[in-house]
Every structure is written in C-alpha cells, then in structure tokens.
PDB file of all heavy atoms in Angstrom:
ATOM      1  N   ALA A   1      63.671  24.112 -32.700  1.00  0.00           N
ATOM      2  CA  ALA A   1      64.987  24.592 -32.913  1.00  0.00           C
ATOM      3  C   ALA A   1      66.052  23.747 -32.122  1.00  0.00           C
ATOM      4  O   ALA A   1      67.003  23.289 -32.632  1.00  0.00           O
ATOM      5  CB  ALA A   1      65.232  26.053 -32.533  1.00  0.00           C
ATOM      6  N   ARG A   2      65.689  23.499 -30.822  1.00  0.00           N
ATOM      7  CA  ARG A   2      66.517  22.674 -30.035  1.00  0.00           C
ATOM      8  C   ARG A   2      66.650  21.312 -30.562  1.00  0.00           C
ATOM      9  O   ARG A   2      67.801  20.833 -30.597  1.00  0.00           O
ATOM     10  CB  ARG A   2      65.966  22.679 -28.614  1.00  0.00           C
ATOM     11  CG  ARG A   2      66.869  21.960 -27.564  1.00  0.00           C
ATOM     12  CD  ARG A   2      66.354  22.194 -26.107  1.00  0.00           C
ATOM     13  NE  ARG A   2      64.941  22.523 -25.977  1.00  0.00           N
ATOM     14  CZ  ARG A   2      64.063  21.614 -25.693  1.00  0.00           C
ATOM     15  NH1 ARG A   2      64.307  20.276 -25.599  1.00  0.00           N
ATOM     16  NH2 ARG A   2      62.816  22.017 -25.424  1.00  0.00           N
ATOM     17  N   LEU A   3      65.624  20.600 -30.895  1.00  0.00           N
ATOM     18  CA  LEU A   3      65.619  19.339 -31.451  1.00  0.00           C
ATOM     19  C   LEU A   3      66.418  19.306 -32.827  1.00  0.00           C
ATOM     20  O   LEU A   3      67.127  18.284 -33.164  1.00  0.00           O
ATOM     21  CB  LEU A   3      64.242  18.675 -31.545  1.00  0.00           C
ATOM     22  CG  LEU A   3      63.643  18.212 -30.249  1.00  0.00           C
ATOM     23  CD1 LEU A   3      62.151  17.969 -30.427  1.00  0.00           C
ATOM     24  CD2 LEU A   3      64.331  17.148 -29.617  1.00  0.00           C
ATOM     25  N   THR A   4      66.191  20.309 -33.564  1.00  0.00           N
ATOM     26  CA  THR A   4      66.812  20.414 -34.938  1.00  0.00           C
ATOM     27  C   THR A   4      68.291  20.338 -34.699  1.00  0.00           C
ATOM     28  O   THR A   4      69.117  19.675 -35.347  1.00  0.00           O
ATOM     29  CB  THR A   4      66.397  21.642 -35.709  1.00  0.00           C
ATOM     30  OG1 THR A   4      65.045  21.444 -35.971  1.00  0.00           O
ATOM     31  CG2 THR A   4      67.178  21.742 -36.923  1.00  0.00           C
ATOM     32  N   LYS A   5      68.896  21.112 -33.699  1.00  0.00           N
ATOM     33  CA  LYS A   5      70.197  21.210 -33.397  1.00  0.00           C
ATOM     34  C   LYS A   5      70.871  19.951 -32.854  1.00  0.00           C
ATOM     35  O   LYS A   5      71.717  19.422 -33.296  1.00  0.00           O
ATOM     36  CB  LYS A   5      70.496  22.418 -32.548  1.00  0.00           C
ATOM     37  CG  LYS A   5      71.941  22.645 -32.157  1.00  0.00           C
ATOM     38  CD  LYS A   5      72.030  23.778 -31.222  1.00  0.00           C
ATOM     39  CE  LYS A   5      73.557  23.974 -30.849  1.00  0.00           C
ATOM     40  NZ  LYS A   5      73.729  25.036 -29.993  1.00  0.00           N
ATOM     41  N   VAL A   6      70.105  19.441 -31.870  1.00  0.00           N
ATOM     42  CA  VAL A   6      70.577  18.202 -31.069  1.00  0.00           C
ATOM     43  C   VAL A   6      70.595  17.013 -32.078  1.00  0.00           C
ATOM     44  O   VAL A   6      71.548  16.250 -32.047  1.00  0.00           O
ATOM     45  CB  VAL A   6      69.746  17.937 -29.908  1.00  0.00           C
ATOM     46  CG1 VAL A   6      70.037  16.473 -29.314  1.00  0.00           C
ATOM     47  CG2 VAL A   6      69.940  19.011 -28.830  1.00  0.00           C
ATOM     48  N   LEU A   7      69.508  16.810 -32.868  1.00  0.00           N
ATOM     49  CA  LEU A   7      69.357  15.706 -33.703  1.00  0.00           C
ATOM     50  C   LEU A   7      69.844  15.831 -35.202  1.00  0.00           C
ATOM     51  O   LEU A   7      69.749  14.898 -35.894  1.00  0.00           O
ATOM     52  CB  LEU A   7      67.955  15.262 -33.704  1.00  0.00           C
ATOM     53  CG  LEU A   7      67.237  14.954 -32.352  1.00  0.00           C
ATOM     54  CD1 LEU A   7      65.788  14.685 -32.485  1.00  0.00           C
ATOM     55  CD2 LEU A   7      68.033  13.813 -31.687  1.00  0.00           C
ATOM     56  N   GLN A   8      70.190  17.094 -35.476  1.00  0.00           N
ATOM     57  CA  GLN A   8      70.595  17.423 -36.781  1.00  0.00           C
ATOM     58  C   GLN A   8      69.583  17.086 -37.844  1.00  0.00           C
ATOM     59  O   GLN A   8      69.708  16.281 -38.768  1.00  0.00           O
ATOM     60  CB  GLN A   8      72.035  16.816 -37.053  1.00  0.00           C
ATOM     61  CG  GLN A   8      73.054  17.334 -36.260  1.00  0.00           C
ATOM     62  CD  GLN A   8      74.402  16.544 -36.446  1.00  0.00           C
ATOM     63  OE1 GLN A   8      74.434  15.560 -37.043  1.00  0.00           O
ATOM     64  NE2 GLN A   8      75.455  17.084 -35.897  1.00  0.00           N
ATOM     65  N   LEU A   9      68.373  17.654 -37.615  1.00  0.00           N
ATOM     66  CA  LEU A   9      67.194  17.319 -38.547  1.00  0.00           C
ATOM     67  C   LEU A   9      67.434  18.010 -39.800  1.00  0.00           C
ATOM     68  O   LEU A   9      67.909  19.091 -39.920  1.00  0.00           O
ATOM     69  CB  LEU A   9      65.909  17.784 -37.964  1.00  0.00           C
ATOM     70  CG  LEU A   9      65.593  17.084 -36.559  1.00  0.00           C
ATOM     71  CD1 LEU A   9      64.345  17.813 -36.046  1.00  0.00           C
ATOM     72  CD2 LEU A   9      65.507  15.646 -36.605  1.00  0.00           C
ATOM     73  N   ASN A  10      66.906  17.420 -40.993  1.00  0.00           N
ATOM     74  CA  ASN A  10      66.926  17.979 -42.183  1.00  0.00           C
ATOM     75  C   ASN A  10      65.594  18.804 -42.297  1.00  0.00           C
ATOM     76  O   ASN A  10      64.787  18.719 -41.354  1.00  0.00           O
ATOM     77  CB  ASN A  10      67.118  16.938 -43.344  1.00  0.00           C
ATOM     78  CG  ASN A  10      65.898  16.037 -43.410  1.00  0.00           C
ATOM     79  OD1 ASN A  10      64.775  16.233 -43.094  1.00  0.00           O
ATOM     80  ND2 ASN A  10      66.304  14.720 -43.807  1.00  0.00           N
ATOM     81  N   GLU A  11      65.378  19.554 -43.359  1.00  0.00           N
ATOM     82  CA  GLU A  11      64.347  20.375 -43.543  1.00  0.00           C
ATOM     83  C   GLU A  11      62.917  19.578 -43.476  1.00  0.00           C
ATOM     84  O   GLU A  11      61.996  20.056 -42.922  1.00  0.00           O
ATOM     85  CB  GLU A  11      64.319  21.201 -44.855  1.00  0.00           C
ATOM     86  CG  GLU A  11      63.310  22.297 -44.909  1.00  0.00           C
ATOM     87  CD  GLU A  11      63.307  23.363 -43.728  1.00  0.00           C
ATOM     88  OE1 GLU A  11      64.412  23.617 -43.273  1.00  0.00           O
ATOM     89  OE2 GLU A  11      62.307  23.669 -43.345  1.00  0.00           O
ATOM     90  N   ALA A  12      62.881  18.392 -44.158  1.00  0.00           N
ATOM     91  CA  ALA A  12      61.669  17.649 -44.108  1.00  0.00           C
ATOM     92  C   ALA A  12      61.351  17.107 -42.741  1.00  0.00           C
ATOM     93  O   ALA A  12      60.192  17.148 -42.278  1.00  0.00           O
ATOM     94  CB  ALA A  12      61.736  16.455 -45.124  1.00  0.00           C
ATOM     95  N   GLN A  13      62.379  16.730 -42.062  1.00  0.00           N
ATOM     96  CA  GLN A  13      62.134  16.322 -40.630  1.00  0.00           C
ATOM     97  C   GLN A  13      61.645  17.405 -39.782  1.00  0.00           C
ATOM     98  O   GLN A  13      60.766  17.288 -38.947  1.00  0.00           O
ATOM     99  CB  GLN A  13      63.399  15.704 -40.027  1.00  0.00           C
ATOM    100  CG  GLN A  13      63.819  14.330 -40.674  1.00  0.00           C
ATOM    101  CD  GLN A  13      65.131  13.958 -40.110  1.00  0.00           C
ATOM    102  OE1 GLN A  13      66.029  14.605 -40.185  1.00  0.00           O
ATOM    103  NE2 GLN A  13      65.266  12.618 -39.827  1.00  0.00           N
ATOM    104  N   ARG A  14      62.302  18.536 -40.037  1.00  0.00           N
ATOM    105  CA  ARG A  14      61.919  19.789 -39.182  1.00  0.00           C
ATOM    106  C   ARG A  14      60.450  20.145 -39.362  1.00  0.00           C
ATOM    107  O   ARG A  14      59.662  20.445 -38.424  1.00  0.00           O
ATOM    108  CB  ARG A  14      62.872  20.889 -39.426  1.00  0.00           C
ATOM    109  CG  ARG A  14      62.865  22.062 -38.486  1.00  0.00           C
ATOM    110  CD  ARG A  14      63.987  23.021 -38.778  1.00  0.00           C
ATOM    111  NE  ARG A  14      63.693  23.729 -39.908  1.00  0.00           N
ATOM    112  CZ  ARG A  14      63.430  25.077 -39.770  1.00  0.00           C
ATOM    113  NH1 ARG A  14      63.442  25.685 -38.639  1.00  0.00           N
ATOM    114  NH2 ARG A  14      63.089  25.775 -40.865  1.00  0.00           N
ATOM    115  N   SER A  15      60.066  20.116 -40.645  1.00  0.00           N
ATOM    116  CA  SER A  15      58.723  20.327 -41.010  1.00  0.00           C
ATOM    117  C   SER A  15      57.746  19.402 -40.487  1.00  0.00           C
ATOM    118  O   SER A  15      56.678  19.764 -39.849  1.00  0.00           O
ATOM    119  CB  SER A  15      58.595  20.487 -42.505  1.00  0.00           C
ATOM    120  OG  SER A  15      57.234  20.715 -42.945  1.00  0.00           O
ATOM    121  N   ALA A  16      58.031  18.229 -40.374  1.00  0.00           N
ATOM    122  CA  ALA A  16      57.236  17.057 -39.897  1.00  0.00           C
ATOM    123  C   ALA A  16      57.101  17.257 -38.342  1.00  0.00           C
ATOM    124  O   ALA A  16      56.012  17.051 -37.829  1.00  0.00           O
ATOM    125  CB  ALA A  16      57.715  15.703 -40.213  1.00  0.00           C
ATOM    126  N   LEU A  17      58.275  17.509 -37.663  1.00  0.00           N
ATOM    127  CA  LEU A  17      58.234  17.876 -36.321  1.00  0.00           C
ATOM    128  C   LEU A  17      57.286  19.010 -35.938  1.00  0.00           C
ATOM    129  O   LEU A  17      56.589  18.823 -34.971  1.00  0.00           O
ATOM    130  CB  LEU A  17      59.709  18.070 -35.825  1.00  0.00           C
ATOM    131  CG  LEU A  17      59.936  18.368 -34.297  1.00  0.00           C
ATOM    132  CD1 LEU A  17      59.465  17.162 -33.451  1.00  0.00           C
ATOM    133  CD2 LEU A  17      61.232  18.758 -33.969  1.00  0.00           C
ATOM    134  N   LYS A  18      57.380  20.137 -36.679  1.00  0.00           N
ATOM    135  CA  LYS A  18      56.513  21.233 -36.449  1.00  0.00           C
ATOM    136  C   LYS A  18      55.056  20.757 -36.456  1.00  0.00           C
ATOM    137  O   LYS A  18      54.376  21.208 -35.654  1.00  0.00           O
ATOM    138  CB  LYS A  18      56.796  22.334 -37.352  1.00  0.00           C
ATOM    139  CG  LYS A  18      57.901  23.247 -36.941  1.00  0.00           C
ATOM    140  CD  LYS A  18      58.125  24.407 -37.953  1.00  0.00           C
ATOM    141  CE  LYS A  18      57.633  25.640 -37.252  1.00  0.00           C
ATOM    142  NZ  LYS A  18      58.121  26.852 -37.973  1.00  0.00           N
ATOM    143  N   THR A  19      54.712  19.937 -37.555  1.00  0.00           N
ATOM    144  CA  THR A  19      53.298  19.520 -37.706  1.00  0.00           C
ATOM    145  C   THR A  19      52.890  18.687 -36.510  1.00  0.00           C
ATOM    146  O   THR A  19      51.848  18.879 -35.960  1.00  0.00           O
ATOM    147  CB  THR A  19      53.114  18.713 -38.989  1.00  0.00           C
ATOM    148  OG1 THR A  19      53.493  19.681 -40.069  1.00  0.00           O
ATOM    149  CG2 THR A  19      51.758  18.216 -39.222  1.00  0.00           C
ATOM    150  N   ILE A  20      53.759  17.758 -36.155  1.00  0.00           N
ATOM    151  CA  ILE A  20      53.419  16.802 -34.957  1.00  0.00           C
ATOM    152  C   ILE A  20      53.255  17.739 -33.690  1.00  0.00           C
ATOM    153  O   ILE A  20      52.260  17.528 -33.008  1.00  0.00           O
ATOM    154  CB  ILE A  20      54.557  15.877 -34.763  1.00  0.00           C
ATOM    155  CG1 ILE A  20      54.638  14.784 -35.973  1.00  0.00           C
ATOM    156  CG2 ILE A  20      54.444  15.163 -33.364  1.00  0.00           C
ATOM    157  CD1 ILE A  20      55.853  14.000 -35.910  1.00  0.00           C
ATOM    158  N   LEU A  21      54.097  18.627 -33.370  1.00  0.00           N
ATOM    159  CA  LEU A  21      53.936  19.404 -32.266  1.00  0.00           C
ATOM    160  C   LEU A  21      52.785  20.335 -32.248  1.00  0.00           C
ATOM    161  O   LEU A  21      52.201  20.638 -31.235  1.00  0.00           O
ATOM    162  CB  LEU A  21      55.341  20.231 -31.935  1.00  0.00           C
ATOM    163  CG  LEU A  21      56.498  19.440 -31.684  1.00  0.00           C
ATOM    164  CD1 LEU A  21      57.755  20.262 -31.511  1.00  0.00           C
ATOM    165  CD2 LEU A  21      56.271  18.515 -30.341  1.00  0.00           C
ATOM    166  N   GLU A  22      52.408  20.817 -33.429  1.00  0.00           N
ATOM    167  CA  GLU A  22      51.270  21.657 -33.525  1.00  0.00           C
ATOM    168  C   GLU A  22      50.031  20.809 -33.288  1.00  0.00           C
ATOM    169  O   GLU A  22      49.100  21.301 -32.600  1.00  0.00           O
ATOM    170  CB  GLU A  22      51.142  22.359 -34.822  1.00  0.00           C
ATOM    171  CG  GLU A  22      49.869  23.127 -35.166  1.00  0.00           C
ATOM    172  CD  GLU A  22      49.809  24.403 -34.252  1.00  0.00           C
ATOM    173  OE1 GLU A  22      50.801  24.951 -33.834  1.00  0.00           O
ATOM    174  OE2 GLU A  22      48.644  24.694 -33.759  1.00  0.00           O
ATOM    175  N   GLN A  23      49.929  19.629 -33.787  1.00  0.00           N
ATOM    176  CA  GLN A  23      48.885  18.780 -33.525  1.00  0.00           C
ATOM    177  C   GLN A  23      48.717  18.365 -32.056  1.00  0.00           C
ATOM    178  O   GLN A  23      47.667  18.337 -31.443  1.00  0.00           O
ATOM    179  CB  GLN A  23      48.907  17.467 -34.415  1.00  0.00           C
ATOM    180  CG  GLN A  23      48.643  17.632 -35.792  1.00  0.00           C
ATOM    181  CD  GLN A  23      49.079  16.506 -36.694  1.00  0.00           C
ATOM    182  OE1 GLN A  23      49.695  15.539 -36.246  1.00  0.00           O
ATOM    183  NE2 GLN A  23      48.625  16.446 -37.893  1.00  0.00           N
ATOM    184  N   ARG A  24      49.893  18.187 -31.539  1.00  0.00           N
ATOM    185  CA  ARG A  24      50.007  17.919 -29.994  1.00  0.00           C
ATOM    186  C   ARG A  24      49.295  19.068 -29.232  1.00  0.00           C
ATOM    187  O   ARG A  24      48.639  18.874 -28.347  1.00  0.00           O
ATOM    188  CB  ARG A  24      51.447  17.758 -29.617  1.00  0.00           C
ATOM    189  CG  ARG A  24      51.620  17.673 -28.152  1.00  0.00           C
ATOM    190  CD  ARG A  24      53.128  17.669 -27.805  1.00  0.00           C
ATOM    191  NE  ARG A  24      53.290  17.609 -26.411  1.00  0.00           N
ATOM    192  CZ  ARG A  24      53.636  18.626 -25.565  1.00  0.00           C
ATOM    193  NH1 ARG A  24      53.564  19.901 -26.158  1.00  0.00           N
ATOM    194  NH2 ARG A  24      53.815  18.542 -24.380  1.00  0.00           N
ATOM    195  N   ARG A  25      49.650  20.223 -29.619  1.00  0.00           N
ATOM    196  CA  ARG A  25      49.224  21.330 -28.816  1.00  0.00           C
ATOM    197  C   ARG A  25      47.723  21.442 -28.937  1.00  0.00           C
ATOM    198  O   ARG A  25      46.992  21.603 -27.905  1.00  0.00           O
ATOM    199  CB  ARG A  25      49.838  22.700 -29.399  1.00  0.00           C
ATOM    200  CG  ARG A  25      49.542  23.907 -28.640  1.00  0.00           C
ATOM    201  CD  ARG A  25      50.319  25.203 -29.016  1.00  0.00           C
ATOM    202  NE  ARG A  25      50.126  25.396 -30.515  1.00  0.00           N
ATOM    203  CZ  ARG A  25      49.362  26.297 -30.985  1.00  0.00           C
ATOM    204  NH1 ARG A  25      48.549  27.124 -30.167  1.00  0.00           N
ATOM    205  NH2 ARG A  25      49.354  26.624 -32.289  1.00  0.00           N
ATOM    206  N   GLN A  26      47.157  21.339 -30.081  1.00  0.00           N
ATOM    207  CA  GLN A  26      45.755  21.340 -30.373  1.00  0.00           C
ATOM    208  C   GLN A  26      45.104  20.220 -29.632  1.00  0.00           C
ATOM    209  O   GLN A  26      43.991  20.516 -29.054  1.00  0.00           O
ATOM    210  CB  GLN A  26      45.437  21.274 -31.794  1.00  0.00           C
ATOM    211  CG  GLN A  26      45.815  22.450 -32.604  1.00  0.00           C
ATOM    212  CD  GLN A  26      45.610  22.375 -34.168  1.00  0.00           C
ATOM    213  OE1 GLN A  26      45.127  21.238 -34.530  1.00  0.00           O
ATOM    214  NE2 GLN A  26      46.008  23.310 -34.924  1.00  0.00           N
ATOM    215  N   GLU A  27      45.563  18.993 -29.593  1.00  0.00           N
ATOM    216  CA  GLU A  27      44.953  17.934 -28.878  1.00  0.00           C
ATOM    217  C   GLU A  27      44.997  18.140 -27.405  1.00  0.00           C
ATOM    218  O   GLU A  27      43.986  17.812 -26.710  1.00  0.00           O
ATOM    219  CB  GLU A  27      45.599  16.571 -29.311  1.00  0.00           C
ATOM    220  CG  GLU A  27      44.821  15.386 -28.765  1.00  0.00           C
ATOM    221  CD  GLU A  27      43.338  15.306 -29.252  1.00  0.00           C
ATOM    222  OE1 GLU A  27      43.119  15.761 -30.367  1.00  0.00           O
ATOM    223  OE2 GLU A  27      42.517  14.778 -28.457  1.00  0.00           O
ATOM    224  N   PHE A  28      46.153  18.566 -26.866  1.00  0.00           N
ATOM    225  CA  PHE A  28      46.226  18.906 -25.447  1.00  0.00           C
ATOM    226  C   PHE A  28      45.174  19.887 -25.083  1.00  0.00           C
ATOM    227  O   PHE A  28      44.461  19.817 -23.932  1.00  0.00           O
ATOM    228  CB  PHE A  28      47.641  19.239 -25.016  1.00  0.00           C
ATOM    229  CG  PHE A  28      48.404  18.112 -24.630  1.00  0.00           C
ATOM    230  CD1 PHE A  28      49.626  17.820 -25.225  1.00  0.00           C
ATOM    231  CD2 PHE A  28      48.164  17.453 -23.452  1.00  0.00           C
ATOM    232  CE1 PHE A  28      50.395  16.833 -24.865  1.00  0.00           C
ATOM    233  CE2 PHE A  28      48.935  16.285 -23.003  1.00  0.00           C
ATOM    234  CZ  PHE A  28      50.138  16.023 -23.796  1.00  0.00           C
ATOM    235  N   TRP A  29      45.090  20.934 -25.770  1.00  0.00           N
ATOM    236  CA  TRP A  29      44.139  21.975 -25.584  1.00  0.00           C
ATOM    237  C   TRP A  29      42.681  21.317 -25.454  1.00  0.00           C
ATOM    238  O   TRP A  29      41.808  21.584 -24.636  1.00  0.00           O
ATOM    239  CB  TRP A  29      44.042  23.025 -26.630  1.00  0.00           C
ATOM    240  CG  TRP A  29      43.183  24.187 -26.303  1.00  0.00           C
ATOM    241  CD1 TRP A  29      43.628  25.379 -25.468  1.00  0.00           C
ATOM    242  CD2 TRP A  29      41.925  24.320 -26.597  1.00  0.00           C
ATOM    243  NE1 TRP A  29      42.572  26.140 -25.358  1.00  0.00           N
ATOM    244  CE2 TRP A  29      41.358  25.625 -26.011  1.00  0.00           C
ATOM    245  CE3 TRP A  29      40.994  23.669 -27.267  1.00  0.00           C
ATOM    246  CZ2 TRP A  29      40.136  26.205 -26.066  1.00  0.00           C
ATOM    247  CZ3 TRP A  29      39.567  24.151 -27.350  1.00  0.00           C
ATOM    248  CH2 TRP A  29      39.296  25.339 -26.776  1.00  0.00           C
ATOM    249  N   ARG A  30      42.292  20.504 -26.476  1.00  0.00           N
ATOM    250  CA  ARG A  30      40.997  19.809 -26.544  1.00  0.00           C
ATOM    251  C   ARG A  30      40.790  18.949 -25.275  1.00  0.00           C
ATOM    252  O   ARG A  30      39.723  18.898 -24.714  1.00  0.00           O
ATOM    253  CB  ARG A  30      40.913  19.010 -27.794  1.00  0.00           C
ATOM    254  CG  ARG A  30      39.474  18.748 -28.276  1.00  0.00           C
ATOM    255  CD  ARG A  30      39.398  18.125 -29.776  1.00  0.00           C
ATOM    256  NE  ARG A  30      40.492  17.635 -30.343  1.00  0.00           N
ATOM    257  CZ  ARG A  30      41.309  18.228 -31.420  1.00  0.00           C
ATOM    258  NH1 ARG A  30      40.851  19.428 -31.779  1.00  0.00           N
ATOM    259  NH2 ARG A  30      42.298  17.676 -31.941  1.00  0.00           N
ATOM    260  N   ILE A  31      41.671  18.128 -24.862  1.00  0.00           N
ATOM    261  CA  ILE A  31      41.635  17.423 -23.690  1.00  0.00           C
ATOM    262  C   ILE A  31      41.449  18.269 -22.474  1.00  0.00           C
ATOM    263  O   ILE A  31      40.622  17.911 -21.612  1.00  0.00           O
ATOM    264  CB  ILE A  31      42.867  16.458 -23.548  1.00  0.00           C
ATOM    265  CG1 ILE A  31      42.963  15.357 -24.672  1.00  0.00           C
ATOM    266  CG2 ILE A  31      42.977  15.786 -22.146  1.00  0.00           C
ATOM    267  CD1 ILE A  31      44.284  14.618 -24.753  1.00  0.00           C
ATOM    268  N   ARG A  32      42.325  19.227 -22.253  1.00  0.00           N
ATOM    269  CA  ARG A  32      42.281  20.116 -21.209  1.00  0.00           C
ATOM    270  C   ARG A  32      40.964  20.748 -21.001  1.00  0.00           C
ATOM    271  O   ARG A  32      40.349  21.139 -19.882  1.00  0.00           O
ATOM    272  CB  ARG A  32      43.306  21.155 -21.226  1.00  0.00           C
ATOM    273  CG  ARG A  32      43.426  22.074 -20.074  1.00  0.00           C
ATOM    274  CD  ARG A  32      44.706  22.967 -20.077  1.00  0.00           C
ATOM    275  NE  ARG A  32      44.729  23.612 -18.897  1.00  0.00           N
ATOM    276  CZ  ARG A  32      45.445  24.744 -18.788  1.00  0.00           C
ATOM    277  NH1 ARG A  32      46.026  25.215 -19.766  1.00  0.00           N
ATOM    278  NH2 ARG A  32      45.416  25.398 -17.579  1.00  0.00           N
ATOM    279  N   HIS A  33      40.295  21.095 -22.077  1.00  0.00           N
ATOM    280  CA  HIS A  33      39.027  21.906 -21.952  1.00  0.00           C
ATOM    281  C   HIS A  33      37.799  20.963 -22.209  1.00  0.00           C
ATOM    282  O   HIS A  33      36.735  21.609 -22.466  1.00  0.00           O
ATOM    283  CB  HIS A  33      39.075  23.039 -23.004  1.00  0.00           C
ATOM    284  CG  HIS A  33      39.984  24.035 -22.658  1.00  0.00           C
ATOM    285  ND1 HIS A  33      41.357  23.974 -23.023  1.00  0.00           N
ATOM    286  CD2 HIS A  33      39.977  25.105 -21.846  1.00  0.00           C
ATOM    287  CE1 HIS A  33      42.067  25.114 -22.623  1.00  0.00           C
ATOM    288  NE2 HIS A  33      41.209  25.763 -21.817  1.00  0.00           N
ATOM    289  N   ASP A  34      37.901  19.722 -22.091  1.00  0.00           N
ATOM    290  CA  ASP A  34      36.808  18.797 -22.201  1.00  0.00           C
ATOM    291  C   ASP A  34      36.054  18.632 -20.826  1.00  0.00           C
ATOM    292  O   ASP A  34      36.617  17.944 -20.042  1.00  0.00           O
ATOM    293  CB  ASP A  34      37.281  17.440 -22.709  1.00  0.00           C
ATOM    294  CG  ASP A  34      36.180  16.485 -23.021  1.00  0.00           C
ATOM    295  OD1 ASP A  34      35.071  16.691 -22.632  1.00  0.00           O
ATOM    296  OD2 ASP A  34      36.333  15.438 -23.849  1.00  0.00           O
ATOM    297  N   PRO A  35      34.949  19.226 -20.631  1.00  0.00           N
ATOM    298  CA  PRO A  35      34.316  19.241 -19.414  1.00  0.00           C
ATOM    299  C   PRO A  35      33.845  17.787 -19.020  1.00  0.00           C
ATOM    300  O   PRO A  35      33.339  17.561 -17.895  1.00  0.00           O
ATOM    301  CB  PRO A  35      33.176  20.197 -19.621  1.00  0.00           C
ATOM    302  CG  PRO A  35      32.862  20.205 -20.968  1.00  0.00           C
ATOM    303  CD  PRO A  35      34.145  19.931 -21.666  1.00  0.00           C
ATOM    304  N   SER A  36      33.701  17.003 -19.961  1.00  0.00           N
ATOM    305  CA  SER A  36      33.064  15.586 -19.691  1.00  0.00           C
ATOM    306  C   SER A  36      34.149  14.612 -18.994  1.00  0.00           C
ATOM    307  O   SER A  36      33.862  13.543 -18.641  1.00  0.00           O
ATOM    308  CB  SER A  36      32.605  14.891 -21.052  1.00  0.00           C
ATOM    309  OG  SER A  36      33.743  14.658 -21.808  1.00  0.00           O
ATOM    310  N   LEU A  37      35.472  15.090 -19.005  1.00  0.00           N
ATOM    311  CA  LEU A  37      36.529  14.285 -18.436  1.00  0.00           C
ATOM    312  C   LEU A  37      36.741  14.646 -16.947  1.00  0.00           C
ATOM    313  O   LEU A  37      36.760  15.898 -16.587  1.00  0.00           O
ATOM    314  CB  LEU A  37      37.780  14.425 -19.254  1.00  0.00           C
ATOM    315  CG  LEU A  37      37.767  13.963 -20.761  1.00  0.00           C
ATOM    316  CD1 LEU A  37      39.085  14.433 -21.444  1.00  0.00           C
ATOM    317  CD2 LEU A  37      37.478  12.650 -20.865  1.00  0.00           C
ATOM    318  N   SER A  38      36.968  13.590 -16.077  1.00  0.00           N
ATOM    319  CA  SER A  38      37.428  13.884 -14.723  1.00  0.00           C
ATOM    320  C   SER A  38      38.943  14.280 -14.771  1.00  0.00           C
ATOM    321  O   SER A  38      39.616  14.161 -15.777  1.00  0.00           O
ATOM    322  CB  SER A  38      37.194  12.649 -13.953  1.00  0.00           C
ATOM    323  OG  SER A  38      38.171  11.536 -14.350  1.00  0.00           O
ATOM    324  N   GLY A  39      39.478  14.740 -13.660  1.00  0.00           N
ATOM    325  CA  GLY A  39      40.837  14.994 -13.402  1.00  0.00           C
ATOM    326  C   GLY A  39      41.764  13.863 -13.860  1.00  0.00           C
ATOM    327  O   GLY A  39      42.728  14.054 -14.588  1.00  0.00           O
TER     328      GLY A  39
END
C-alpha cells in the first residue's frame, strides 16, 4: 500500500509487487531456517 501510494502503481504493477514480496518472504524463511548455513 505504501509503495502503491508513493510510486502511483497501477493494478498490474501492484499485483507484480505483491508476488515479488511474497516470494521474498518465502525465500527469506527458507534461508533463515536452513541448518546447513552458518551465520
């Protein structure tokens, strides 16, 4: 919502942004919980 307002995103951009951020969240979770990685 904040980026949509600041950047005046259209609906397609807003949808793409949501997809990117959802993928980001999932990948960060995967990285954070990977026991094979050091700090």
